Amino acid sequence: MQQLVTVSFGPGREYEFRFSSSGVAVQGQDAARQWFEREFVALECDLPTPIGKVLFADRILSVAKYAGERRFKEDHTWAEQFARNAAAVLDRDAVRVDVANYTLGY
């Protein structure tokens, strides 16, 4: 089975990543969560609505937003790590990270 992660910064500005489910599963959710926590801190992310508890959807969206489209375009290794970790954390066949609208879709 395949997993698809799409990161969108607006119309015509989308980045797609496809992985085998088994390859994502090997990585594991805990390692993926730790990766997002490290990136969240390293990028000095802020949340749009600080209510105390940080949901993982907010971490994923914030990391994509603060990393910016340029990083997805120019740093394929990092972008692929982002997508693999998002697929592992969310455990869905298809994930859409819509940075422009700050939403996740499944």
Protein backbone atom coordinates (compact mmCIF):
# COMPACT_ATOMS: atom_id res chain seq x y z
CA MET A 1 0.00 0.00 0.00
CA GLN A 2 1.13 3.56 -0.68
CA GLN A 3 0.86 6.72 1.35
CA LEU A 4 0.63 10.15 -0.23
CA VAL A 5 1.51 13.42 1.47
CA THR A 6 0.76 16.66 -0.35
CA VAL A 7 2.05 19.97 0.99
CA SER A 8 0.32 22.97 -0.57
CA PHE A 9 1.32 26.61 -0.40
CA GLY A 10 -1.47 27.66 -2.79
CA PRO A 11 -2.70 26.87 -6.30
CA GLY A 12 0.08 25.46 -8.47
CA ARG A 13 2.49 25.38 -5.52
CA GLU A 14 2.13 21.81 -4.31
CA TYR A 15 4.72 19.21 -3.38
CA GLU A 16 3.79 15.52 -3.42
CA PHE A 17 5.57 12.68 -1.66
CA ARG A 18 4.72 8.98 -2.07
CA PHE A 19 5.94 6.24 0.25
CA SER A 20 5.25 2.60 0.83
CA SER A 21 3.30 2.11 4.04
CA SER A 22 5.85 -0.41 5.26
CA GLY A 23 8.67 2.13 4.88
CA VAL A 24 6.78 4.68 6.95
CA ALA A 25 5.83 2.12 9.60
CA VAL A 26 9.48 1.18 10.18
CA GLN A 27 10.19 4.73 11.30
CA GLY A 28 7.45 4.68 13.94
CA GLN A 29 5.19 7.30 15.43
CA ASP A 30 7.39 8.10 18.43
CA ALA A 31 10.41 8.95 16.28
CA ALA A 32 8.18 11.01 13.97
CA ARG A 33 6.71 12.95 16.90
CA GLN A 34 10.20 13.67 18.23
CA TRP A 35 11.29 14.92 14.79
CA PHE A 36 8.37 17.39 14.68
CA GLU A 37 9.06 18.54 18.23
CA ARG A 38 12.72 19.24 17.37
CA GLU A 39 11.81 21.08 14.16
CA PHE A 40 9.09 23.07 15.94
CA VAL A 41 11.66 24.36 18.43
CA ALA A 42 14.46 24.83 15.86
CA LEU A 43 12.19 26.90 13.59
CA GLU A 44 10.94 28.92 16.58
CA CYS A 45 7.34 28.26 15.62
CA ASP A 46 4.44 30.17 17.15
CA LEU A 47 0.91 28.89 17.26
CA PRO A 48 -1.97 30.90 15.79
CA THR A 49 -4.17 30.20 18.84
CA PRO A 50 -2.14 29.52 21.97
CA ILE A 51 -4.59 27.64 24.20
CA GLY A 52 -2.00 25.80 26.23
CA LYS A 53 -2.04 22.35 24.67
CA VAL A 54 -0.30 22.00 21.32
CA LEU A 55 -2.11 19.60 19.01
CA PHE A 56 0.01 17.60 16.62
CA ALA A 57 -1.91 19.00 13.68
CA ASP A 58 -0.71 22.44 14.79
CA ARG A 59 2.88 21.23 15.04
CA ILE A 60 2.79 19.80 11.52
CA LEU A 61 1.18 22.92 10.05
CA SER A 62 3.50 25.27 11.94
CA VAL A 63 6.65 23.41 10.90
CA ALA A 64 5.55 23.55 7.25
CA LYS A 65 4.67 27.25 7.53
CA TYR A 66 7.86 28.32 9.28
CA ALA A 67 10.08 26.16 7.07
CA GLY A 68 8.47 27.84 4.08
CA GLU A 69 7.92 26.85 0.50
CA ARG A 70 11.53 27.50 -0.44
CA ARG A 71 12.71 24.70 1.83
CA PHE A 72 10.28 22.25 0.24
CA LYS A 73 11.47 23.35 -3.18
CA GLU A 74 15.21 23.38 -2.52
CA ASP A 75 15.89 20.89 0.28
CA HIS A 76 14.37 17.64 -0.95
CA THR A 77 15.93 15.57 1.84
CA TRP A 78 14.34 17.72 4.53
CA ALA A 79 11.01 17.89 2.66
CA GLU A 80 10.93 14.11 2.34
CA GLN A 81 11.64 13.75 6.07
CA PHE A 82 8.77 16.13 6.79
CA ALA A 83 6.41 14.09 4.61
CA ARG A 84 7.50 10.72 6.02
CA ASN A 85 7.12 11.96 9.57
CA ALA A 86 3.71 13.49 8.85
CA ALA A 87 2.58 10.17 7.34
CA ALA A 88 3.88 8.27 10.37
CA VAL A 89 2.30 10.58 12.96
CA LEU A 90 -1.08 10.81 11.24
CA ASP A 91 -1.20 7.18 10.05
CA ARG A 92 -3.38 7.95 7.02
CA ASP A 93 -3.18 6.79 3.40
CA ALA A 94 -3.43 10.36 2.11
CA VAL A 95 -2.60 13.58 3.92
CA ARG A 96 -2.93 17.12 2.61
CA VAL A 97 -1.04 19.82 4.48
CA ASP A 98 -2.60 23.08 3.28
CA VAL A 99 -0.25 25.74 4.58
CA ALA A 100 -2.06 28.63 2.89
CA ASN A 101 -5.34 27.81 4.68
CA TYR A 102 -3.66 26.28 7.77
CA THR A 103 -5.60 23.02 7.51
CA LEU A 104 -4.93 19.30 7.37
CA GLY A 105 -7.01 17.02 5.21
CA TYR A 106 -7.18 13.24 5.05
